[in-house]
Amino acid sequence: MILYSFRRCPWAMRARLALRYAGCTVQVVEVAMKNKPAALLALSPKGTVPVLDTGAGVLDESLDIMRWALEQHDPQDWRLLADPAAAQHAQALIARNDSTFKAQVNLYKYAERYPEHTREHYRQQAECWLAELEQLLDGRPYLLADHPSLADAALLPLVRQFAGVEPQWFAEAAYPRVRSWLAGWLASQLFTSVMAR
C-alpha cells in the first residue's frame, strides 16, 4: 500500500496516525506540493494529500483513510463501538472541527491576509471550540472516553496548528486540560513515529 502524504499537512497527519495505530504496513511517499508526482495525480486528479492506494482501491479523504484503517484493526476501540452515543458525538465533533474550526484556524494563523480583523479577534472566535473541548476533558484524559478515539486523532492536528500560532498565549490560556491532552498526544510514541522525517 502507498500513502501519498505531506508531513505537516493536518489531514495527512491524522491519516498516518490511524494507519500506524492500526498496524497497516504502508509505504509513505512525501509529496512536494509544488511538484506533485504524476502517480498521485493519476490516482486522484484533485492532487491533494493524503491519498491511499490500498491495492484494491483508492481513498483520497483523510477521514475515509482513518475509518478504513480502523476497520482493519482497532485494538483500543477508537471507533467507540462499545458506546454508540459517543461514536455519534465523535462524528459531530469531527464535522465541526473540519468546517468551522478549520476556517477559524486559517483566519487566525494567516491573520495578515485577512486585515478586516485582528489576530486577537480571530483567536477569540476559535476559543469557543477550545472551551468546549476543555469541558469534554473534565474528569477524563480523552475527549469522549477513557481511551483515545477517532475524534481525538482527527481533532489533534488542527488543535496543534492552533496552539502553534501564538505558543506563549496558548501556554498561559485558560485551557489546562486541552494543553495536557495536546501535550500527551505530541509526546506519544504514536505521534512521534508518524512525524519522523
N, C-alpha and C. Protein backbone atom coordinates (compact mmCIF):
# COMPACT_ATOMS: atom_id res chain seq x y z
N MET A 1 0.85 -1.19 0.00
CA MET A 1 0.00 0.00 0.00
C MET A 1 0.88 1.24 0.00
N ILE A 2 0.42 2.27 -0.69
CA ILE A 2 1.18 3.52 -0.77
C ILE A 2 0.31 4.66 -0.26
N LEU A 3 0.88 5.47 0.63
CA LEU A 3 0.21 6.66 1.12
C LEU A 3 0.98 7.88 0.63
N TYR A 4 0.31 8.70 -0.16
CA TYR A 4 0.89 9.98 -0.57
C TYR A 4 0.56 10.99 0.53
N SER A 5 1.61 11.62 1.03
CA SER A 5 1.46 12.42 2.24
C SER A 5 2.30 13.68 2.15
N PHE A 6 2.03 14.60 3.06
CA PHE A 6 2.88 15.77 3.27
C PHE A 6 3.00 15.90 4.77
N ARG A 7 4.21 15.87 5.27
CA ARG A 7 4.46 15.70 6.71
C ARG A 7 3.67 16.67 7.58
N ARG A 8 3.61 17.94 7.22
CA ARG A 8 2.98 18.94 8.10
C ARG A 8 1.49 19.14 7.83
N CYS A 9 0.97 18.52 6.79
CA CYS A 9 -0.46 18.68 6.48
C CYS A 9 -1.29 18.01 7.56
N PRO A 10 -2.22 18.74 8.20
CA PRO A 10 -3.01 18.13 9.29
C PRO A 10 -3.84 16.93 8.84
N TRP A 11 -4.32 16.96 7.60
CA TRP A 11 -5.15 15.87 7.11
C TRP A 11 -4.30 14.62 6.87
N ALA A 12 -3.12 14.81 6.32
CA ALA A 12 -2.21 13.68 6.12
C ALA A 12 -1.72 13.14 7.46
N MET A 13 -1.53 14.04 8.40
CA MET A 13 -1.06 13.67 9.74
C MET A 13 -2.04 12.70 10.39
N ARG A 14 -3.31 13.02 10.33
CA ARG A 14 -4.27 12.15 11.02
C ARG A 14 -4.46 10.83 10.28
N ALA A 15 -4.30 10.85 8.96
CA ALA A 15 -4.35 9.58 8.22
C ALA A 15 -3.18 8.69 8.64
N ARG A 16 -1.99 9.28 8.77
CA ARG A 16 -0.81 8.50 9.20
C ARG A 16 -1.01 7.96 10.61
N LEU A 17 -1.61 8.77 11.48
CA LEU A 17 -1.86 8.32 12.86
C LEU A 17 -2.71 7.06 12.87
N ALA A 18 -3.82 7.08 12.13
CA ALA A 18 -4.74 5.94 12.14
C ALA A 18 -4.10 4.71 11.51
N LEU A 19 -3.37 4.91 10.42
CA LEU A 19 -2.72 3.77 9.75
C LEU A 19 -1.67 3.14 10.66
N ARG A 20 -0.89 3.97 11.34
CA ARG A 20 0.14 3.44 12.25
C ARG A 20 -0.50 2.74 13.44
N TYR A 21 -1.52 3.37 14.03
CA TYR A 21 -2.22 2.77 15.16
C TYR A 21 -2.79 1.40 14.78
N ALA A 22 -3.36 1.30 13.57
CA ALA A 22 -3.99 0.05 13.13
C ALA A 22 -2.98 -0.99 12.67
N GLY A 23 -1.71 -0.60 12.63
CA GLY A 23 -0.67 -1.56 12.24
C GLY A 23 -0.64 -1.83 10.75
N CYS A 24 -1.16 -0.92 9.95
CA CYS A 24 -1.14 -1.11 8.49
C CYS A 24 0.26 -0.81 7.94
N THR A 25 0.76 -1.71 7.15
CA THR A 25 2.08 -1.51 6.55
C THR A 25 1.90 -0.72 5.27
N VAL A 26 2.38 0.52 5.28
CA VAL A 26 2.25 1.38 4.10
C VAL A 26 3.60 2.01 3.77
N GLN A 27 3.80 2.22 2.50
CA GLN A 27 4.95 2.99 2.05
C GLN A 27 4.49 4.44 1.97
N VAL A 28 5.13 5.32 2.73
CA VAL A 28 4.74 6.73 2.74
C VAL A 28 5.59 7.48 1.71
N VAL A 29 4.92 8.11 0.77
CA VAL A 29 5.60 8.92 -0.24
C VAL A 29 5.36 10.38 0.11
N GLU A 30 6.44 11.09 0.48
CA GLU A 30 6.34 12.50 0.82
C GLU A 30 6.22 13.31 -0.47
N VAL A 31 5.17 14.11 -0.55
CA VAL A 31 4.86 14.85 -1.77
C VAL A 31 5.30 16.31 -1.61
N ALA A 32 6.02 16.81 -2.60
CA ALA A 32 6.30 18.24 -2.68
C ALA A 32 5.08 18.86 -3.36
N MET A 33 4.33 19.66 -2.62
CA MET A 33 3.04 20.13 -3.13
C MET A 33 3.17 21.01 -4.37
N LYS A 34 4.34 21.59 -4.59
CA LYS A 34 4.54 22.40 -5.80
C LYS A 34 5.01 21.56 -6.98
N ASN A 35 5.28 20.29 -6.72
CA ASN A 35 5.75 19.41 -7.79
C ASN A 35 5.16 18.02 -7.55
N LYS A 36 3.85 17.93 -7.76
CA LYS A 36 3.13 16.70 -7.43
C LYS A 36 3.47 15.59 -8.43
N PRO A 37 3.73 14.39 -7.91
CA PRO A 37 4.07 13.30 -8.83
C PRO A 37 2.90 12.88 -9.70
N ALA A 38 3.22 12.45 -10.90
CA ALA A 38 2.19 12.01 -11.85
C ALA A 38 1.38 10.85 -11.29
N ALA A 39 2.04 9.99 -10.53
CA ALA A 39 1.34 8.82 -9.96
C ALA A 39 0.24 9.26 -9.00
N LEU A 40 0.49 10.31 -8.24
CA LEU A 40 -0.54 10.84 -7.33
C LEU A 40 -1.71 11.39 -8.14
N LEU A 41 -1.43 12.19 -9.15
CA LEU A 41 -2.49 12.81 -9.95
C LEU A 41 -3.29 11.77 -10.73
N ALA A 42 -2.64 10.67 -11.08
CA ALA A 42 -3.36 9.60 -11.78
C ALA A 42 -4.36 8.92 -10.85
N LEU A 43 -4.00 8.82 -9.58
CA LEU A 43 -4.90 8.20 -8.60
C LEU A 43 -6.01 9.15 -8.17
N SER A 44 -5.65 10.42 -8.01
CA SER A 44 -6.60 11.41 -7.50
C SER A 44 -6.34 12.75 -8.20
N PRO A 45 -7.10 13.06 -9.23
CA PRO A 45 -6.85 14.27 -10.02
C PRO A 45 -6.91 15.57 -9.22
N LYS A 46 -7.59 15.55 -8.07
CA LYS A 46 -7.64 16.81 -7.30
C LYS A 46 -6.28 17.17 -6.71
N GLY A 47 -5.39 16.19 -6.60
CA GLY A 47 -4.00 16.48 -6.27
C GLY A 47 -3.72 16.90 -4.85
N THR A 48 -4.64 16.59 -3.93
CA THR A 48 -4.39 16.90 -2.52
C THR A 48 -3.96 15.63 -1.78
N VAL A 49 -3.34 15.83 -0.63
CA VAL A 49 -2.97 14.69 0.22
C VAL A 49 -3.86 14.73 1.45
N PRO A 50 -4.06 13.56 2.07
CA PRO A 50 -3.47 12.26 1.78
C PRO A 50 -4.25 11.50 0.70
N VAL A 51 -3.55 10.60 0.04
CA VAL A 51 -4.16 9.64 -0.88
C VAL A 51 -3.58 8.28 -0.56
N LEU A 52 -4.46 7.31 -0.34
CA LEU A 52 -4.03 5.95 -0.04
C LEU A 52 -4.43 5.02 -1.17
N ASP A 53 -3.43 4.36 -1.74
CA ASP A 53 -3.67 3.30 -2.71
C ASP A 53 -3.58 1.99 -1.96
N THR A 54 -4.72 1.36 -1.72
CA THR A 54 -4.75 0.13 -0.91
C THR A 54 -4.36 -1.09 -1.74
N GLY A 55 -4.27 -0.90 -3.04
CA GLY A 55 -4.08 -2.05 -3.92
C GLY A 55 -5.41 -2.58 -4.42
N ALA A 56 -6.45 -2.33 -3.63
CA ALA A 56 -7.80 -2.76 -4.02
C ALA A 56 -8.70 -1.56 -4.29
N GLY A 57 -8.14 -0.36 -4.14
CA GLY A 57 -8.92 0.85 -4.33
C GLY A 57 -8.14 2.06 -3.85
N VAL A 58 -8.69 3.23 -4.12
CA VAL A 58 -8.03 4.48 -3.77
C VAL A 58 -8.92 5.28 -2.83
N LEU A 59 -8.34 5.78 -1.75
CA LEU A 59 -9.04 6.66 -0.81
C LEU A 59 -8.31 7.99 -0.80
N ASP A 60 -9.06 9.09 -1.01
CA ASP A 60 -8.38 10.39 -1.06
C ASP A 60 -8.99 11.43 -0.12
N GLU A 61 -9.65 10.93 0.94
CA GLU A 61 -10.12 11.80 2.02
C GLU A 61 -9.56 11.25 3.33
N SER A 62 -9.03 12.12 4.17
CA SER A 62 -8.36 11.65 5.38
C SER A 62 -9.27 10.83 6.28
N LEU A 63 -10.52 11.25 6.43
CA LEU A 63 -11.44 10.51 7.30
C LEU A 63 -11.75 9.12 6.75
N ASP A 64 -11.86 9.03 5.43
CA ASP A 64 -12.09 7.73 4.81
C ASP A 64 -10.90 6.81 5.06
N ILE A 65 -9.70 7.37 4.98
CA ILE A 65 -8.49 6.58 5.25
C ILE A 65 -8.48 6.14 6.71
N MET A 66 -8.82 7.04 7.61
CA MET A 66 -8.84 6.70 9.04
C MET A 66 -9.83 5.57 9.31
N ARG A 67 -11.04 5.72 8.77
CA ARG A 67 -12.07 4.70 9.01
C ARG A 67 -11.67 3.35 8.39
N TRP A 68 -11.07 3.41 7.21
CA TRP A 68 -10.61 2.18 6.57
C TRP A 68 -9.56 1.49 7.45
N ALA A 69 -8.62 2.27 7.96
CA ALA A 69 -7.56 1.70 8.82
C ALA A 69 -8.17 1.04 10.05
N LEU A 70 -9.14 1.70 10.67
CA LEU A 70 -9.74 1.17 11.89
C LEU A 70 -10.58 -0.08 11.62
N GLU A 71 -11.09 -0.19 10.40
CA GLU A 71 -11.80 -1.42 10.05
C GLU A 71 -10.84 -2.60 9.92
N GLN A 72 -9.57 -2.32 9.63
CA GLN A 72 -8.57 -3.39 9.54
C GLN A 72 -8.20 -3.89 10.94
N HIS A 73 -8.03 -2.94 11.87
CA HIS A 73 -7.58 -3.31 13.22
C HIS A 73 -7.81 -2.12 14.14
N ASP A 74 -8.50 -2.35 15.24
CA ASP A 74 -8.85 -1.26 16.16
C ASP A 74 -8.76 -1.76 17.60
N PRO A 75 -7.54 -2.01 18.08
CA PRO A 75 -7.36 -2.68 19.37
C PRO A 75 -7.89 -1.90 20.58
N GLN A 76 -7.94 -0.56 20.51
CA GLN A 76 -8.41 0.23 21.65
C GLN A 76 -9.83 0.77 21.47
N ASP A 77 -10.52 0.31 20.44
CA ASP A 77 -11.89 0.77 20.14
C ASP A 77 -11.93 2.27 19.87
N TRP A 78 -11.09 2.75 18.98
CA TRP A 78 -11.14 4.15 18.55
C TRP A 78 -12.49 4.47 17.92
N ARG A 79 -13.16 3.47 17.35
CA ARG A 79 -14.46 3.71 16.71
C ARG A 79 -15.59 3.83 17.72
N LEU A 80 -15.28 3.56 19.00
CA LEU A 80 -16.28 3.67 20.08
C LEU A 80 -17.48 2.77 19.84
N LEU A 81 -17.21 1.58 19.32
CA LEU A 81 -18.29 0.63 19.05
C LEU A 81 -19.03 0.23 20.32
N ALA A 82 -18.33 0.30 21.46
CA ALA A 82 -18.96 -0.06 22.74
C ALA A 82 -19.90 1.02 23.25
N ASP A 83 -19.87 2.20 22.62
CA ASP A 83 -20.70 3.32 23.08
C ASP A 83 -21.23 4.09 21.87
N PRO A 84 -22.34 3.62 21.29
CA PRO A 84 -22.87 4.25 20.06
C PRO A 84 -23.15 5.75 20.20
N ALA A 85 -23.58 6.19 21.37
CA ALA A 85 -23.85 7.62 21.55
C ALA A 85 -22.55 8.42 21.45
N ALA A 86 -21.49 7.90 22.04
CA ALA A 86 -20.19 8.57 21.96
C ALA A 86 -19.68 8.57 20.52
N ALA A 87 -19.92 7.47 19.81
CA ALA A 87 -19.49 7.40 18.40
C ALA A 87 -20.20 8.46 17.57
N GLN A 88 -21.49 8.66 17.86
CA GLN A 88 -22.25 9.69 17.15
C GLN A 88 -21.73 11.08 17.50
N HIS A 89 -21.39 11.28 18.78
CA HIS A 89 -20.82 12.54 19.23
C HIS A 89 -19.49 12.79 18.52
N ALA A 90 -18.70 11.74 18.35
CA ALA A 90 -17.41 11.86 17.66
C ALA A 90 -17.61 12.39 16.24
N GLN A 91 -18.60 11.86 15.53
CA GLN A 91 -18.85 12.31 14.17
C GLN A 91 -19.21 13.79 14.13
N ALA A 92 -20.02 14.22 15.09
CA ALA A 92 -20.42 15.63 15.14
C ALA A 92 -19.22 16.53 15.44
N LEU A 93 -18.38 16.11 16.36
CA LEU A 93 -17.18 16.89 16.69
C LEU A 93 -16.27 17.02 15.48
N ILE A 94 -16.06 15.91 14.80
CA ILE A 94 -15.17 15.92 13.63
C ILE A 94 -15.72 16.82 12.54
N ALA A 95 -17.03 16.76 12.33
CA ALA A 95 -17.65 17.60 11.30
C ALA A 95 -17.43 19.08 11.60
N ARG A 96 -17.58 19.48 12.85
CA ARG A 96 -17.39 20.88 13.21
C ARG A 96 -15.92 21.27 13.17
N ASN A 97 -15.05 20.37 13.60
CA ASN A 97 -13.60 20.60 13.53
C ASN A 97 -13.17 20.87 12.08
N ASP A 98 -13.72 20.06 11.17
CA ASP A 98 -13.28 20.11 9.78
C ASP A 98 -13.91 21.26 8.99
N SER A 99 -14.90 21.90 9.56
CA SER A 99 -15.54 23.02 8.87
C SER A 99 -15.29 24.32 9.64
N THR A 100 -16.02 24.52 10.73
CA THR A 100 -15.96 25.78 11.47
C THR A 100 -14.57 26.04 12.05
N PHE A 101 -14.02 25.07 12.80
CA PHE A 101 -12.73 25.31 13.45
C PHE A 101 -11.61 25.45 12.42
N LYS A 102 -11.66 24.66 11.36
CA LYS A 102 -10.65 24.77 10.30
C LYS A 102 -10.61 26.19 9.74
N ALA A 103 -11.79 26.75 9.46
CA ALA A 103 -11.86 28.11 8.92
C ALA A 103 -11.31 29.12 9.93
N GLN A 104 -11.63 28.91 11.22
CA GLN A 104 -11.14 29.82 12.25
C GLN A 104 -9.63 29.75 12.40
N VAL A 105 -9.08 28.55 12.33
CA VAL A 105 -7.63 28.40 12.43
C VAL A 105 -6.93 29.09 11.25
N ASN A 106 -7.49 28.95 10.06
CA ASN A 106 -6.90 29.61 8.89
C ASN A 106 -6.88 31.13 9.06
N LEU A 107 -7.97 31.70 9.53
CA LEU A 107 -8.02 33.14 9.75
C LEU A 107 -7.01 33.57 10.82
N TYR A 108 -6.94 32.82 11.87
CA TYR A 108 -6.04 33.13 12.99
C TYR A 108 -4.58 33.00 12.57
N LYS A 109 -4.25 31.90 11.89
CA LYS A 109 -2.87 31.64 11.50
C LYS A 109 -2.38 32.64 10.46
N TYR A 110 -3.26 33.00 9.53
CA TYR A 110 -2.88 33.89 8.43
C TYR A 110 -3.60 35.23 8.55
N ALA A 111 -3.64 35.76 9.77
CA ALA A 111 -4.41 36.99 10.03
C ALA A 111 -3.99 38.16 9.14
N GLU A 112 -2.71 38.19 8.78
CA GLU A 112 -2.24 39.30 7.94
C GLU A 112 -2.90 39.28 6.56
N ARG A 113 -3.42 38.13 6.14
CA ARG A 113 -4.11 38.05 4.85
C ARG A 113 -5.57 38.51 4.97
N TYR A 114 -6.04 38.62 6.20
CA TYR A 114 -7.45 38.97 6.44
C TYR A 114 -7.51 40.19 7.37
N PRO A 115 -7.10 41.36 6.85
CA PRO A 115 -6.94 42.54 7.72
C PRO A 115 -8.26 43.14 8.20
N GLU A 116 -9.39 42.54 7.84
CA GLU A 116 -10.68 43.06 8.32
C GLU A 116 -10.73 43.03 9.85
N HIS A 117 -10.01 42.05 10.46
CA HIS A 117 -9.98 41.94 11.92
C HIS A 117 -8.57 41.64 12.37
N THR A 118 -8.35 41.76 13.68
CA THR A 118 -7.03 41.48 14.24
C THR A 118 -6.86 39.98 14.48
N ARG A 119 -5.62 39.56 14.66
CA ARG A 119 -5.35 38.16 15.01
C ARG A 119 -6.06 37.81 16.31
N GLU A 120 -6.06 38.74 17.26
CA GLU A 120 -6.73 38.50 18.54
C GLU A 120 -8.22 38.21 18.33
N HIS A 121 -8.84 38.95 17.44
CA HIS A 121 -10.25 38.74 17.14
C HIS A 121 -10.47 37.31 16.61
N TYR A 122 -9.63 36.90 15.67
CA TYR A 122 -9.78 35.56 15.09
C TYR A 122 -9.53 34.48 16.14
N ARG A 123 -8.58 34.75 17.02
CA ARG A 123 -8.31 33.80 18.10
C ARG A 123 -9.53 33.67 19.02
N GLN A 124 -10.13 34.79 19.35
CA GLN A 124 -11.30 34.76 20.23
C GLN A 124 -12.46 34.00 19.60
N GLN A 125 -12.60 34.10 18.28
CA GLN A 125 -13.65 33.34 17.58
C GLN A 125 -13.45 31.84 17.78
N ALA A 126 -12.19 31.41 17.78
CA ALA A 126 -11.88 29.99 17.90
C ALA A 126 -11.93 29.49 19.35
N GLU A 127 -11.88 30.39 20.29
CA GLU A 127 -11.82 29.97 21.70
C GLU A 127 -13.08 29.25 22.17
N CYS A 128 -14.21 29.48 21.52
CA CYS A 128 -15.43 28.75 21.89
C CYS A 128 -15.20 27.25 21.75
N TRP A 129 -14.48 26.88 20.70
CA TRP A 129 -14.18 25.46 20.46
C TRP A 129 -13.27 24.92 21.55
N LEU A 130 -12.23 25.69 21.90
CA LEU A 130 -11.32 25.25 22.97
C LEU A 130 -12.07 25.08 24.28
N ALA A 131 -12.99 25.99 24.55
CA ALA A 131 -13.77 25.90 25.79
C ALA A 131 -14.62 24.64 25.80
N GLU A 132 -15.17 24.28 24.65
CA GLU A 132 -15.98 23.06 24.57
C GLU A 132 -15.11 21.81 24.78
N LEU A 133 -13.94 21.81 24.18
CA LEU A 133 -13.03 20.67 24.37
C LEU A 133 -12.57 20.58 25.83
N GLU A 134 -12.35 21.73 26.44
CA GLU A 134 -11.95 21.77 27.85
C GLU A 134 -13.00 21.09 28.72
N GLN A 135 -14.27 21.35 28.41
CA GLN A 135 -15.38 20.72 29.16
C GLN A 135 -15.41 19.21 28.94
N LEU A 136 -15.20 18.80 27.70
CA LEU A 136 -15.22 17.37 27.39
C LEU A 136 -14.12 16.61 28.14
N LEU A 137 -13.01 17.30 28.40
CA LEU A 137 -11.87 16.67 29.07
C LEU A 137 -11.96 16.72 30.59
N ASP A 138 -13.07 17.22 31.09
CA ASP A 138 -13.26 17.29 32.55
C ASP A 138 -13.42 15.88 33.11
N GLY A 139 -12.45 15.43 33.87
CA GLY A 139 -12.55 14.13 34.54
C GLY A 139 -12.10 12.94 33.74
N ARG A 140 -11.58 13.19 32.52
CA ARG A 140 -11.05 12.06 31.73
C ARG A 140 -9.93 12.57 30.83
N PRO A 141 -9.03 11.66 30.43
CA PRO A 141 -7.86 12.09 29.66
C PRO A 141 -8.11 12.31 28.17
N TYR A 142 -9.24 11.81 27.66
CA TYR A 142 -9.54 11.94 26.24
C TYR A 142 -10.93 12.54 26.06
N LEU A 143 -11.27 12.90 24.84
CA LEU A 143 -12.47 13.69 24.60
C LEU A 143 -13.77 12.97 24.91
N LEU A 144 -13.85 11.68 24.59
CA LEU A 144 -15.14 11.00 24.68
C LEU A 144 -15.10 9.70 25.46
N ALA A 145 -13.93 9.32 25.95
CA ALA A 145 -13.80 8.05 26.66
C ALA A 145 -12.52 8.09 27.49
N ASP A 146 -12.27 7.00 28.20
CA ASP A 146 -11.03 6.91 28.98
C ASP A 146 -9.86 6.43 28.13
N HIS A 147 -10.10 6.32 26.84
CA HIS A 147 -9.06 5.90 25.90
C HIS A 147 -9.19 6.77 24.65
N PRO A 148 -8.18 6.81 23.81
CA PRO A 148 -8.28 7.62 22.60
C PRO A 148 -9.41 7.12 21.69
N SER A 149 -9.91 8.04 20.88
CA SER A 149 -10.94 7.68 19.90
C SER A 149 -10.61 8.35 18.57
N LEU A 150 -11.41 8.03 17.58
CA LEU A 150 -11.27 8.66 16.28
C LEU A 150 -11.33 10.18 16.41
N ALA A 151 -12.17 10.68 17.30
CA ALA A 151 -12.30 12.13 17.49
C ALA A 151 -10.99 12.75 17.96
N ASP A 152 -10.34 12.12 18.93
CA ASP A 152 -9.06 12.66 19.42
C ASP A 152 -8.05 12.76 18.29
N ALA A 153 -7.89 11.67 17.55
CA ALA A 153 -6.88 11.65 16.49
C ALA A 153 -7.24 12.59 15.35
N ALA A 154 -8.54 12.75 15.07
CA ALA A 154 -8.96 13.62 13.98
C ALA A 154 -8.83 15.10 14.34
N LEU A 155 -9.08 15.45 15.61
CA LEU A 155 -9.00 16.85 16.02
C LEU A 155 -7.58 17.30 16.33
N LEU A 156 -6.76 16.37 16.76
CA LEU A 156 -5.40 16.70 17.21
C LEU A 156 -4.62 17.61 16.26
N PRO A 157 -4.52 17.30 14.96
CA PRO A 157 -3.65 18.12 14.11
C PRO A 157 -4.06 19.59 14.02
N LEU A 158 -5.36 19.88 13.99
CA LEU A 158 -5.78 21.29 13.91
C LEU A 158 -5.60 22.01 15.25
N VAL A 159 -5.82 21.30 16.36
CA VAL A 159 -5.57 21.93 17.67
C VAL A 159 -4.07 22.22 17.80
N ARG A 160 -3.24 21.30 17.33
CA ARG A 160 -1.78 21.52 17.32
C ARG A 160 -1.43 22.76 16.51
N GLN A 161 -2.07 22.88 15.33
CA GLN A 161 -1.80 24.03 14.47
C GLN A 161 -2.22 25.33 15.15
N PHE A 162 -3.39 25.31 15.78
CA PHE A 162 -3.87 26.49 16.51
C PHE A 162 -2.89 26.87 17.62
N ALA A 163 -2.45 25.89 18.39
CA ALA A 163 -1.55 26.15 19.52
C ALA A 163 -0.22 26.74 19.07
N GLY A 164 0.19 26.41 17.85
CA GLY A 164 1.48 26.87 17.35
C GLY A 164 1.49 28.30 16.83
N VAL A 165 0.34 28.91 16.69
CA VAL A 165 0.29 30.28 16.16
C VAL A 165 0.88 31.26 17.16
N GLU A 166 0.44 31.18 18.40
CA GLU A 166 0.95 32.04 19.48
C GLU A 166 1.24 31.13 20.69
N PRO A 167 2.37 30.44 20.66
CA PRO A 167 2.66 29.44 21.71
C PRO A 167 2.62 30.00 23.13
N GLN A 168 3.11 31.21 23.30
CA GLN A 168 3.12 31.80 24.65
C GLN A 168 1.70 32.03 25.14
N TRP A 169 0.85 32.55 24.26
CA TRP A 169 -0.55 32.76 24.65
C TRP A 169 -1.19 31.42 25.02
N PHE A 170 -0.97 30.41 24.19
CA PHE A 170 -1.59 29.11 24.43
C PHE A 170 -1.10 28.51 25.75
N ALA A 171 0.17 28.70 26.06
CA ALA A 171 0.75 28.15 27.28
C ALA A 171 0.13 28.76 28.54
N GLU A 172 -0.41 29.96 28.40
CA GLU A 172 -0.97 30.67 29.57
C GLU A 172 -2.50 30.75 29.53
N ALA A 173 -3.11 30.26 28.47
CA ALA A 173 -4.57 30.39 28.31
C ALA A 173 -5.31 29.49 29.29
N ALA A 174 -6.59 29.78 29.43
CA ALA A 174 -7.41 29.11 30.46
C ALA A 174 -7.93 27.75 29.99
N TYR A 175 -7.04 26.97 29.36
CA TYR A 175 -7.45 25.66 28.85
C TYR A 175 -6.43 24.59 29.26
N PRO A 176 -6.24 24.40 30.57
CA PRO A 176 -5.19 23.47 31.02
C PRO A 176 -5.42 22.03 30.58
N ARG A 177 -6.69 21.61 30.51
CA ARG A 177 -6.95 20.22 30.10
C ARG A 177 -6.64 20.02 28.63
N VAL A 178 -6.99 20.99 27.80
CA VAL A 178 -6.66 20.90 26.38
C VAL A 178 -5.15 20.88 26.20
N ARG A 179 -4.45 21.72 26.96
CA ARG A 179 -2.97 21.73 26.89
C ARG A 179 -2.39 20.38 27.26
N SER A 180 -2.91 19.79 28.33
CA SER A 180 -2.42 18.50 28.80
C SER A 180 -2.73 17.40 27.78
N TRP A 181 -3.93 17.43 27.24
CA TRP A 181 -4.34 16.46 26.20
C TRP A 181 -3.43 16.56 24.99
N LEU A 182 -3.19 17.79 24.54
CA LEU A 182 -2.34 18.00 23.37
C LEU A 182 -0.91 17.55 23.66
N ALA A 183 -0.38 17.93 24.82
CA ALA A 183 0.99 17.56 25.18
C ALA A 183 1.15 16.04 25.24
N GLY A 184 0.14 15.37 25.77
CA GLY A 184 0.19 13.91 25.85
C GLY A 184 0.26 13.27 24.48
N TRP A 185 -0.55 13.76 23.57
CA TRP A 185 -0.51 13.25 22.19
C TRP A 185 0.84 13.53 21.54
N LEU A 186 1.32 14.78 21.67
CA LEU A 186 2.56 15.16 20.99
C LEU A 186 3.76 14.38 21.51
N ALA A 187 3.70 13.96 22.77
CA ALA A 187 4.81 13.19 23.36
C ALA A 187 4.67 11.69 23.12
N SER A 188 3.53 11.27 22.61
CA SER A 188 3.27 9.84 22.47
C SER A 188 4.15 9.22 21.39
N GLN A 189 4.43 7.94 21.58
CA GLN A 189 5.23 7.22 20.58
C GLN A 189 4.51 7.18 19.24
N LEU A 190 3.19 7.08 19.29
CA LEU A 190 2.41 7.03 18.05
C LEU A 190 2.62 8.31 17.24
N PHE A 191 2.48 9.45 17.91
CA PHE A 191 2.61 10.73 17.18
C PHE A 191 4.04 10.95 16.71
N THR A 192 5.01 10.74 17.60
CA THR A 192 6.40 10.99 17.19
C THR A 192 6.82 10.07 16.05
N SER A 193 6.26 8.86 16.02
CA SER A 193 6.64 7.94 14.94
C SER A 193 6.10 8.40 13.59
N VAL A 194 4.90 8.99 13.57
CA VAL A 194 4.35 9.41 12.27
C VAL A 194 4.89 10.77 11.84
N MET A 195 5.57 11.48 12.76
CA MET A 195 6.14 12.78 12.41
C MET A 195 7.63 12.71 12.13
N ALA A 196 8.22 11.52 12.25
CA ALA A 196 9.65 11.38 11.98
C ALA A 196 9.94 11.76 10.54
N ARG A 197 11.02 12.44 10.32
CA ARG A 197 11.39 12.85 8.95
C ARG A 197 11.89 11.64 8.17
